[in-house]
C-alpha atoms as a PDB file:
ATOM      1  CA  MET A   1     -11.164   3.546  33.355  1.00  0.00           C
ATOM      2  CA  GLU A   2      -9.796   7.063  34.804  1.00  0.00           C
ATOM      3  CA  ASP A   3     -11.390  10.216  32.546  1.00  0.00           C
ATOM      4  CA  ILE A   4      -9.567  10.042  29.161  1.00  0.00           C
ATOM      5  CA  ASN A   5      -8.355  13.768  29.467  1.00  0.00           C
ATOM      6  CA  ALA A   6      -7.231  13.265  32.503  1.00  0.00           C
ATOM      7  CA  LEU A   7      -5.298  10.530  31.781  1.00  0.00           C
ATOM      8  CA  ILE A   8      -3.884  12.131  28.956  1.00  0.00           C
ATOM      9  CA  GLN A   9      -2.541  15.090  30.825  1.00  0.00           C
ATOM     10  CA  LYS A  10      -0.245  13.000  32.661  1.00  0.00           C
ATOM     11  CA  LEU A  11       1.690  12.183  29.283  1.00  0.00           C
ATOM     12  CA  ASP A  12       3.084  15.528  29.867  1.00  0.00           C
ATOM     13  CA  TRP A  13       6.913  15.042  29.380  1.00  0.00           C
ATOM     14  CA  ASP A  14       7.718  16.955  32.866  1.00  0.00           C
ATOM     15  CA  THR A  15       4.981  13.998  34.209  1.00  0.00           C
ATOM     16  CA  PRO A  16       7.106  11.653  36.773  1.00  0.00           C
ATOM     17  CA  GLU A  17       8.282   8.469  35.134  1.00  0.00           C
ATOM     18  CA  ALA A  18       6.175   6.178  36.954  1.00  0.00           C
ATOM     19  CA  GLU A  19       2.807   8.812  37.146  1.00  0.00           C
ATOM     20  CA  GLN A  20       3.232   8.634  33.250  1.00  0.00           C
ATOM     21  CA  ALA A  21       3.874   5.008  32.813  1.00  0.00           C
ATOM     22  CA  GLU A  22       1.173   4.354  34.462  1.00  0.00           C
ATOM     23  CA  ALA A  23      -0.959   6.879  31.991  1.00  0.00           C
ATOM     24  CA  ILE A  24       0.403   4.959  29.552  1.00  0.00           C
ATOM     25  CA  GLN A  25      -0.948   1.736  30.977  1.00  0.00           C
ATOM     26  CA  LYS A  26      -4.285   2.985  31.944  1.00  0.00           C
ATOM     27  CA  LEU A  27      -4.877   4.188  28.533  1.00  0.00           C
ATOM     28  CA  GLN A  28      -4.657   0.471  26.811  1.00  0.00           C
ATOM     29  CA  ASP A  29      -7.933   0.329  27.492  1.00  0.00           C
ATOM     30  CA  ILE A  30      -8.783   3.494  25.269  1.00  0.00           C
ATOM     31  CA  GLN A  31     -12.192   3.064  23.756  1.00  0.00           C
ATOM     32  CA  ASP A  32     -12.179   3.118  19.457  1.00  0.00           C
ATOM     33  CA  GLU A  33     -14.383   6.228  19.410  1.00  0.00           C
ATOM     34  CA  GLU A  34     -11.953   7.490  21.847  1.00  0.00           C
ATOM     35  CA  LEU A  35      -8.862   6.546  20.079  1.00  0.00           C
ATOM     36  CA  HIS A  36      -8.846  10.379  17.750  1.00  0.00           C
ATOM     37  CA  LEU A  37      -7.932  11.860  21.005  1.00  0.00           C
ATOM     38  CA  LEU A  38      -4.441  10.686  20.964  1.00  0.00           C
ATOM     39  CA  LEU A  39      -3.440  12.284  17.707  1.00  0.00           C
ATOM     40  CA  GLN A  40      -1.157  14.896  18.791  1.00  0.00           C
ATOM     41  CA  PRO A  41      -3.447  15.916  21.501  1.00  0.00           C
ATOM     42  CA  LEU A  42      -3.056  19.657  23.210  1.00  0.00           C
ATOM     43  CA  GLY A  43       0.615  20.705  22.826  1.00  0.00           C
ATOM     44  CA  LYS A  44       4.104  19.295  21.960  1.00  0.00           C
ATOM     45  CA  GLU A  45       5.119  17.953  24.862  1.00  0.00           C
ATOM     46  CA  TYR A  46       2.014  14.989  24.940  1.00  0.00           C
ATOM     47  CA  TRP A  47       2.781  13.824  21.778  1.00  0.00           C
ATOM     48  CA  GLY A  48       5.975  11.471  22.476  1.00  0.00           C
ATOM     49  CA  GLY A  49       3.765  10.094  25.552  1.00  0.00           C
ATOM     50  CA  ALA A  50       0.985   9.603  23.281  1.00  0.00           C
ATOM     51  CA  ALA A  51       2.871   8.169  20.272  1.00  0.00           C
ATOM     52  CA  GLU A  52       4.129   5.743  23.367  1.00  0.00           C
ATOM     53  CA  VAL A  53       0.495   4.622  24.274  1.00  0.00           C
ATOM     54  CA  ILE A  54      -0.228   3.844  20.570  1.00  0.00           C
ATOM     55  CA  VAL A  55       2.624   1.637  19.482  1.00  0.00           C
ATOM     56  CA  LYS A  56       1.613  -0.387  22.563  1.00  0.00           C
ATOM     57  CA  LEU A  57      -2.048  -0.324  21.141  1.00  0.00           C
ATOM     58  CA  GLY A  58      -0.332  -1.527  17.998  1.00  0.00           C
ATOM     59  CA  TYR A  59      -2.635  -2.730  14.889  1.00  0.00           C
ATOM     60  CA  PRO A  60      -5.076  -3.459  14.543  1.00  0.00           C
ATOM     61  CA  ARG A  61      -6.462  -1.418  17.396  1.00  0.00           C
ATOM     62  CA  VAL A  62      -5.177   1.563  15.751  1.00  0.00           C
ATOM     63  CA  LYS A  63      -7.008   0.719  12.282  1.00  0.00           C
ATOM     64  CA  PRO A  64      -9.548   4.076  12.979  1.00  0.00           C
ATOM     65  CA  ILE A  65      -6.994   6.565  13.280  1.00  0.00           C
ATOM     66  CA  LEU A  66      -4.494   5.589  10.467  1.00  0.00           C
ATOM     67  CA  PRO A  67      -5.125   8.607   8.220  1.00  0.00           C
ATOM     68  CA  GLY A  68      -4.302  10.883  11.511  1.00  0.00           C
ATOM     69  CA  LEU A  69      -1.356   8.885  12.053  1.00  0.00           C
ATOM     70  CA  LEU A  70       0.179   9.268   8.671  1.00  0.00           C
ATOM     71  CA  GLN A  71      -0.268  12.988   8.959  1.00  0.00           C
ATOM     72  CA  TRP A  72       1.909  12.700  12.118  1.00  0.00           C
ATOM     73  CA  ILE A  73       4.654  12.317   9.726  1.00  0.00           C
ATOM     74  CA  GLN A  74       4.711  15.093   7.982  1.00  0.00           C
ATOM     75  CA  ASP A  75       6.977  16.920   9.962  1.00  0.00           C
ATOM     76  CA  MET A  76      10.192  14.274  11.696  1.00  0.00           C
ATOM     77  CA  ASN A  77      11.029  16.862  13.828  1.00  0.00           C
ATOM     78  CA  TRP A  78       7.616  16.413  16.095  1.00  0.00           C
ATOM     79  CA  PRO A  79       8.001  14.171  19.073  1.00  0.00           C
ATOM     80  CA  GLY A  80       6.733  11.007  18.558  1.00  0.00           C
ATOM     81  CA  SER A  81       6.954  11.457  15.040  1.00  0.00           C
ATOM     82  CA  ARG A  82       9.639   8.276  14.367  1.00  0.00           C
ATOM     83  CA  ARG A  83       7.791   5.989  16.903  1.00  0.00           C
ATOM     84  CA  ILE A  84       4.607   6.795  14.669  1.00  0.00           C
ATOM     85  CA  ALA A  85       6.294   6.051  11.156  1.00  0.00           C
ATOM     86  CA  THR A  86       7.805   2.913  12.200  1.00  0.00           C
ATOM     87  CA  LEU A  87       4.129   1.458  13.501  1.00  0.00           C
ATOM     88  CA  LEU A  88       3.113   2.664   9.861  1.00  0.00           C
ATOM     89  CA  ARG A  89       5.805   1.157   8.260  1.00  0.00           C
ATOM     90  CA  GLU A  90       5.506  -1.947   9.931  1.00  0.00           C
ATOM     91  CA  THR A  91       1.384  -2.199   9.544  1.00  0.00           C
ATOM     92  CA  GLY A  92       2.349  -2.350   5.923  1.00  0.00           C
ATOM     93  CA  ASP A  93      -1.097  -3.221   3.449  1.00  0.00           C
ATOM     94  CA  PRO A  94      -3.086  -1.293   5.495  1.00  0.00           C
ATOM     95  CA  VAL A  95      -1.400   1.938   5.523  1.00  0.00           C
ATOM     96  CA  ILE A  96      -1.076   1.681   1.900  1.00  0.00           C
ATOM     97  CA  PRO A  97      -4.784   3.762   0.485  1.00  0.00           C
ATOM     98  CA  TYR A  98      -3.837   6.478   2.748  1.00  0.00           C
ATOM     99  CA  ILE A  99      -0.499   6.900   1.122  1.00  0.00           C
ATOM    100  CA  GLN A 100      -1.929   6.713  -2.261  1.00  0.00           C
ATOM    101  CA  ASP A 101      -4.660   9.025  -1.497  1.00  0.00           C
ATOM    102  CA  VAL A 102      -1.776  11.579  -0.019  1.00  0.00           C
ATOM    103  CA  PHE A 103       0.085  10.835  -3.745  1.00  0.00           C
ATOM    104  CA  ARG A 104      -2.931  11.868  -5.310  1.00  0.00           C
ATOM    105  CA  ASN A 105      -3.963  14.704  -3.687  1.00  0.00           C
ATOM    106  CA  GLN A 106      -1.840  16.130  -1.693  1.00  0.00           C
ATOM    107  CA  SER A 107       1.236  16.302  -4.239  1.00  0.00           C
ATOM    108  CA  GLN A 108       2.223  19.849  -3.205  1.00  0.00           C
ATOM    109  CA  ASP A 109       3.462  19.169   0.019  1.00  0.00           C
ATOM    110  CA  GLU A 110       6.742  17.541  -1.213  1.00  0.00           C
ATOM    111  CA  GLU A 111       8.256  17.831   2.871  1.00  0.00           C
ATOM    112  CA  TRP A 112       5.326  15.266   3.765  1.00  0.00           C
ATOM    113  CA  MET A 113       5.777  13.021   0.910  1.00  0.00           C
ATOM    114  CA  TYR A 114       9.439  12.784   1.083  1.00  0.00           C
ATOM    115  CA  TRP A 115       9.315  11.557   4.921  1.00  0.00           C
ATOM    116  CA  ILE A 116       6.735   8.930   3.709  1.00  0.00           C
ATOM    117  CA  PHE A 117       9.332   7.391   1.370  1.00  0.00           C
ATOM    118  CA  GLU A 118      12.093   8.306   3.769  1.00  0.00           C
ATOM    119  CA  MET A 119      10.695   6.552   6.478  1.00  0.00           C
ATOM    120  CA  ILE A 120       7.901   3.873   4.921  1.00  0.00           C
ATOM    121  CA  ILE A 121       8.583   3.349   1.441  1.00  0.00           C
ATOM    122  CA  ASP A 122      12.092   2.847   1.272  1.00  0.00           C
ATOM    123  CA  TYR A 123      11.890  -0.158   3.700  1.00  0.00           C
ATOM    124  CA  TRP A 124       9.075  -1.624   2.010  1.00  0.00           C
ATOM    125  CA  ASN A 125       9.226  -5.072  -0.497  1.00  0.00           C
ATOM    126  CA  LYS A 126       8.371  -5.379  -4.005  1.00  0.00           C
ATOM    127  CA  ASP A 127       4.472  -6.513  -2.905  1.00  0.00           C
ATOM    128  CA  HIS A 128       4.232  -3.446  -1.100  1.00  0.00           C
ATOM    129  CA  ILE A 129       5.509  -1.332  -3.827  1.00  0.00           C
ATOM    130  CA  ALA A 130       3.422  -2.999  -6.888  1.00  0.00           C
ATOM    131  CA  GLN A 131       0.702  -1.806  -4.645  1.00  0.00           C
ATOM    132  CA  ILE A 132       1.660   2.240  -5.437  1.00  0.00           C
ATOM    133  CA  GLN A 133       3.337   1.475  -8.737  1.00  0.00           C
ATOM    134  CA  GLU A 134       0.309   3.860 -10.804  1.00  0.00           C
ATOM    135  CA  GLU A 135       1.559   6.579  -8.026  1.00  0.00           C
ATOM    136  CA  LEU A 136       4.779   6.438  -8.476  1.00  0.00           C
ATOM    137  CA  ILE A 137       4.587   6.460 -11.867  1.00  0.00           C
ATOM    138  CA  ARG A 138       3.053   9.630 -11.927  1.00  0.00           C
ATOM    139  CA  LEU A 139       5.405  11.177  -9.283  1.00  0.00           C
ATOM    140  CA  THR A 140       8.022  10.522 -11.359  1.00  0.00           C
ATOM    141  CA  GLU A 141       6.636  13.717 -13.566  1.00  0.00           C
ATOM    142  CA  GLY A 142       7.717  16.094 -11.223  1.00  0.00           C
ATOM    143  CA  LYS A 143      11.117  17.296  -9.939  1.00  0.00           C
ATOM    144  CA  THR A 144      12.725  16.415  -6.132  1.00  0.00           C
ATOM    145  CA  ILE A 145      10.352  13.292  -5.087  1.00  0.00           C
ATOM    146  CA  ALA A 146       9.898  12.339  -8.608  1.00  0.00           C
ATOM    147  CA  LEU A 147      13.696  11.114  -8.201  1.00  0.00           C
ATOM    148  CA  LYS A 148      12.935   9.206  -5.112  1.00  0.00           C
ATOM    149  CA  ALA A 149       9.839   7.946  -7.222  1.00  0.00           C
ATOM    150  CA  LEU A 150      11.953   6.713 -10.061  1.00  0.00           C
ATOM    151  CA  ARG A 151      14.837   5.316  -7.552  1.00  0.00           C
ATOM    152  CA  THR A 152      12.253   3.041  -6.014  1.00  0.00           C
ATOM    153  CA  LEU A 153      10.504   1.885  -9.545  1.00  0.00           C
ATOM    154  CA  TRP A 154      14.470   1.418  -9.956  1.00  0.00           C
ATOM    155  CA  VAL A 155      15.489  -0.409  -6.829  1.00  0.00           C
ATOM    156  CA  HIS A 156      12.069  -2.690  -7.074  1.00  0.00           C
ATOM    157  CA  GLN A 157      12.503  -3.711 -11.131  1.00  0.00           C
ATOM    158  CA  ILE A 158       9.763  -2.005 -12.146  1.00  0.00           C
ATOM    159  CA  TYR A 159      11.503   0.314 -14.063  1.00  0.00           C
ATOM    160  CA  PRO A 160      14.646  -1.157 -15.997  1.00  0.00           C
ATOM    161  CA  GLY A 161      18.153   0.729 -15.459  1.00  0.00           C
ATOM    162  CA  GLU A 162      17.943   1.668 -19.355  1.00  0.00           C
ATOM    163  CA  ALA A 163      14.534   3.510 -18.958  1.00  0.00           C
ATOM    164  CA  VAL A 164      15.540   5.836 -15.605  1.00  0.00           C
ATOM    165  CA  LEU A 165      18.675   7.055 -17.299  1.00  0.00           C
ATOM    166  CA  LEU A 166      16.431   8.319 -20.359  1.00  0.00           C
ATOM    167  CA  LEU A 167      14.379  10.103 -17.679  1.00  0.00           C
ATOM    168  CA  LEU A 168      17.195  11.383 -15.383  1.00  0.00           C
ATOM    169  CA  GLU A 169      18.823  12.967 -18.924  1.00  0.00           C
ATOM    170  CA  ASP A 170      15.728  14.435 -20.008  1.00  0.00           C
ATOM    171  CA  LYS A 171      15.348  15.895 -16.285  1.00  0.00           C
ATOM    172  CA  LYS A 172      18.862  16.807 -16.680  1.00  0.00           C
ATOM    173  CA  GLN A 173      18.620  18.746 -19.747  1.00  0.00           C
ATOM    174  CA  ARG A 174      14.986  20.931 -18.856  1.00  0.00           C
ATOM    175  CA  SER A 175      17.065  21.949 -15.433  1.00  0.00           C
ATOM    176  CA  LEU A 176      20.227  23.442 -17.202  1.00  0.00           C
ATOM    177  CA  THR A 177      17.935  24.717 -20.166  1.00  0.00           C
ATOM    178  CA  GLU A 178      15.797  26.799 -17.340  1.00  0.00           C
ATOM    179  CA  ILE A 179      19.279  27.437 -15.559  1.00  0.00           C
ATOM    180  CA  ALA A 180      20.137  29.174 -18.735  1.00  0.00           C
ATOM    181  CA  GLN A 181      16.952  30.937 -19.385  1.00  0.00           C
ATOM    182  CA  LEU A 182      17.362  32.630 -15.995  1.00  0.00           C
ATOM    183  CA  GLU A 183      20.583  33.634 -16.697  1.00  0.00           C
ATOM    184  CA  ASN A 184      19.563  35.246 -20.006  1.00  0.00           C
ATOM    185  CA  THR A 185      17.126  37.099 -18.177  1.00  0.00           C
ATOM    186  CA  TYR A 186      18.636  37.944 -15.432  1.00  0.00           C
ATOM    187  CA  PRO A 187      22.027  38.881 -16.365  1.00  0.00           C
ATOM    188  CA  GLY A 188      24.807  40.185 -14.248  1.00  0.00           C
ATOM    189  CA  ILE A 189      23.658  39.172 -10.757  1.00  0.00           C
ATOM    190  CA  ASP A 190      26.315  38.083  -8.251  1.00  0.00           C
ATOM    191  CA  CYS A 191      24.319  35.778  -6.003  1.00  0.00           C
ATOM    192  CA  GLU A 192      27.914  35.199  -3.408  1.00  0.00           C
ATOM    193  CA  ALA A 193      27.836  39.160  -3.442  1.00  0.00           C
ATOM    194  CA  LEU A 194      23.942  39.598  -2.767  1.00  0.00           C
ATOM    195  CA  GLN A 195      23.776  36.933   0.183  1.00  0.00           C
ATOM    196  CA  ARG A 196      27.240  39.155   1.428  1.00  0.00           C
ATOM    197  CA  GLY A 197      25.336  42.177   1.521  1.00  0.00           C
ATOM    198  CA  PHE A 198      22.743  40.100   3.174  1.00  0.00           C
ATOM    199  CA  SER A 199      25.138  38.543   5.897  1.00  0.00           C
ATOM    200  CA  GLU A 200      26.239  41.880   6.754  1.00  0.00           C
ATOM    201  CA  GLY A 201      23.167  43.525   7.861  1.00  0.00           C
ATOM    202  CA  ILE A 202      21.376  40.669   9.409  1.00  0.00           C
ATOM    203  CA  PHE A 203      21.803  41.585  12.761  1.00  0.00           C
ATOM    204  CA  LYS A 204      20.446  45.231  11.906  1.00  0.00           C
ATOM    205  CA  PRO A 205      16.431  44.477  11.302  1.00  0.00           C
ATOM    206  CA  GLY A 206      15.532  47.529  10.010  1.00  0.00           C
ATOM    207  CA  LEU A 207      18.475  47.400   7.356  1.00  0.00           C
ATOM    208  CA  CYS A 208      17.961  43.805   6.863  1.00  0.00           C
ATOM    209  CA  LYS A 209      14.667  43.953   5.376  1.00  0.00           C
ATOM    210  CA  SER A 210      15.283  46.547   3.546  1.00  0.00           C
ATOM    211  CA  TYR A 211      17.835  45.257   1.872  1.00  0.00           C
ATOM    212  CA  LEU A 212      15.645  42.075   1.038  1.00  0.00           C
ATOM    213  CA  GLU A 213      12.957  44.462  -0.713  1.00  0.00           C
ATOM    214  CA  GLN A 214      15.411  46.234  -2.428  1.00  0.00           C
ATOM    215  CA  HIS A 215      16.841  43.158  -3.794  1.00  0.00           C
ATOM    216  CA  ARG A 216      13.434  40.672  -4.231  1.00  0.00           C
ATOM    217  CA  GLU A 217      14.016  40.154  -7.305  1.00  0.00           C
ATOM    218  CA  GLU A 218      17.441  38.879  -7.620  1.00  0.00           C
ATOM    219  CA  PHE A 219      17.085  36.958  -4.392  1.00  0.00           C
ATOM    220  CA  SER A 220      14.354  35.312  -5.877  1.00  0.00           C
ATOM    221  CA  PHE A 221      16.413  34.483  -8.972  1.00  0.00           C
ATOM    222  CA  CYS A 222      19.293  33.614  -6.813  1.00  0.00           C
ATOM    223  CA  ASN A 223      16.881  30.984  -4.934  1.00  0.00           C
ATOM    224  CA  ARG A 224      15.644  29.455  -7.817  1.00  0.00           C
ATOM    225  CA  LYS A 225      18.775  28.690  -9.758  1.00  0.00           C
ATOM    226  CA  SER A 226      20.700  27.535  -6.488  1.00  0.00           C
ATOM    227  CA  SER A 227      17.378  24.767  -6.429  1.00  0.00           C
ATOM    228  CA  LEU A 228      18.049  23.869  -9.760  1.00  0.00           C
ATOM    229  CA  HIS A 229      21.768  23.473  -9.536  1.00  0.00           C
ATOM    230  CA  ASP A 230      20.803  21.075  -6.335  1.00  0.00           C
ATOM    231  CA  PHE A 231      18.467  19.407  -8.154  1.00  0.00           C
ATOM    232  CA  VAL A 232      20.932  18.510 -11.306  1.00  0.00           C
ATOM    233  CA  SER A 233      23.509  17.454  -8.372  1.00  0.00           C
ATOM    234  CA  GLU A 234      20.732  15.029  -6.807  1.00  0.00           C
ATOM    235  CA  ILE A 235      20.149  13.510 -11.006  1.00  0.00           C
ATOM    236  CA  GLU A 236      23.976  12.909 -10.989  1.00  0.00           C
ATOM    237  CA  GLU A 237      23.792  11.092  -7.874  1.00  0.00           C
ATOM    238  CA  LEU A 238      21.173   8.950  -8.742  1.00  0.00           C
ATOM    239  CA  VAL A 239      22.286   8.269 -12.456  1.00  0.00           C
ATOM    240  CA  SER A 240      25.746   7.147 -10.689  1.00  0.00           C
ATOM    241  CA  ARG A 241      24.297   4.680  -8.456  1.00  0.00           C
ATOM    242  CA  VAL A 242      22.088   3.467 -11.716  1.00  0.00           C
ATOM    243  CA  SER A 243      25.160   3.668 -14.014  1.00  0.00           C
ATOM    244  CA  GLY A 244      26.999   1.364 -11.260  1.00  0.00           C
ATOM    245  CA  SER A 245      24.599  -1.041 -11.654  1.00  0.00           C
ATOM    246  CA  GLU A 246      24.354  -1.711 -14.958  1.00  0.00           C
END
């Protein structure tokens, strides 16, 4: 077999198609101890080709690098991420311990957890979901990801609709209370006017930076308020879905 690193170099998206296809085929003979070299190698221009190699290898050949493959879907804009997500989704049970680890130890990374739900968990059956039930219940205590967890528990009939609606109402009231507290703490701030002022200086870097620094606290208030309103809207959308099925 040719040198592994030389073959990986041919995964570049600018490599002629026939030459890249040949490299992908030869890399099917890669040894287990070298599999890690396929995890997002070199620069992003190589990742799509590397993902193609990994998908062709399939499970169980890729078992040693499952944790690294799960990391690949931290950002679904990364080349190859959708191919990798499909592989993980179809692999099923062997991926579960690594998802559990993310939910237990990486709960601050909401974007990563969001993509795990969107690309894997939302497609799984009740047998898969039952194995991560404990982690899902723990996640219901948060905010945005809590809604994904609640929806999953409801869809798979682990939580009844009535219980989900009660939890959603509690989250909504807590959010509305926080909005009211923010408005009492920062009365009279016009977020639309603040944004217009920023937009007027956006093409003047010095002015824009100065405006942001001058109004840092107001922007923090507006961003938090906007985030809470978005969360309330997401809650109401899920309430509508759950209520409509009762």
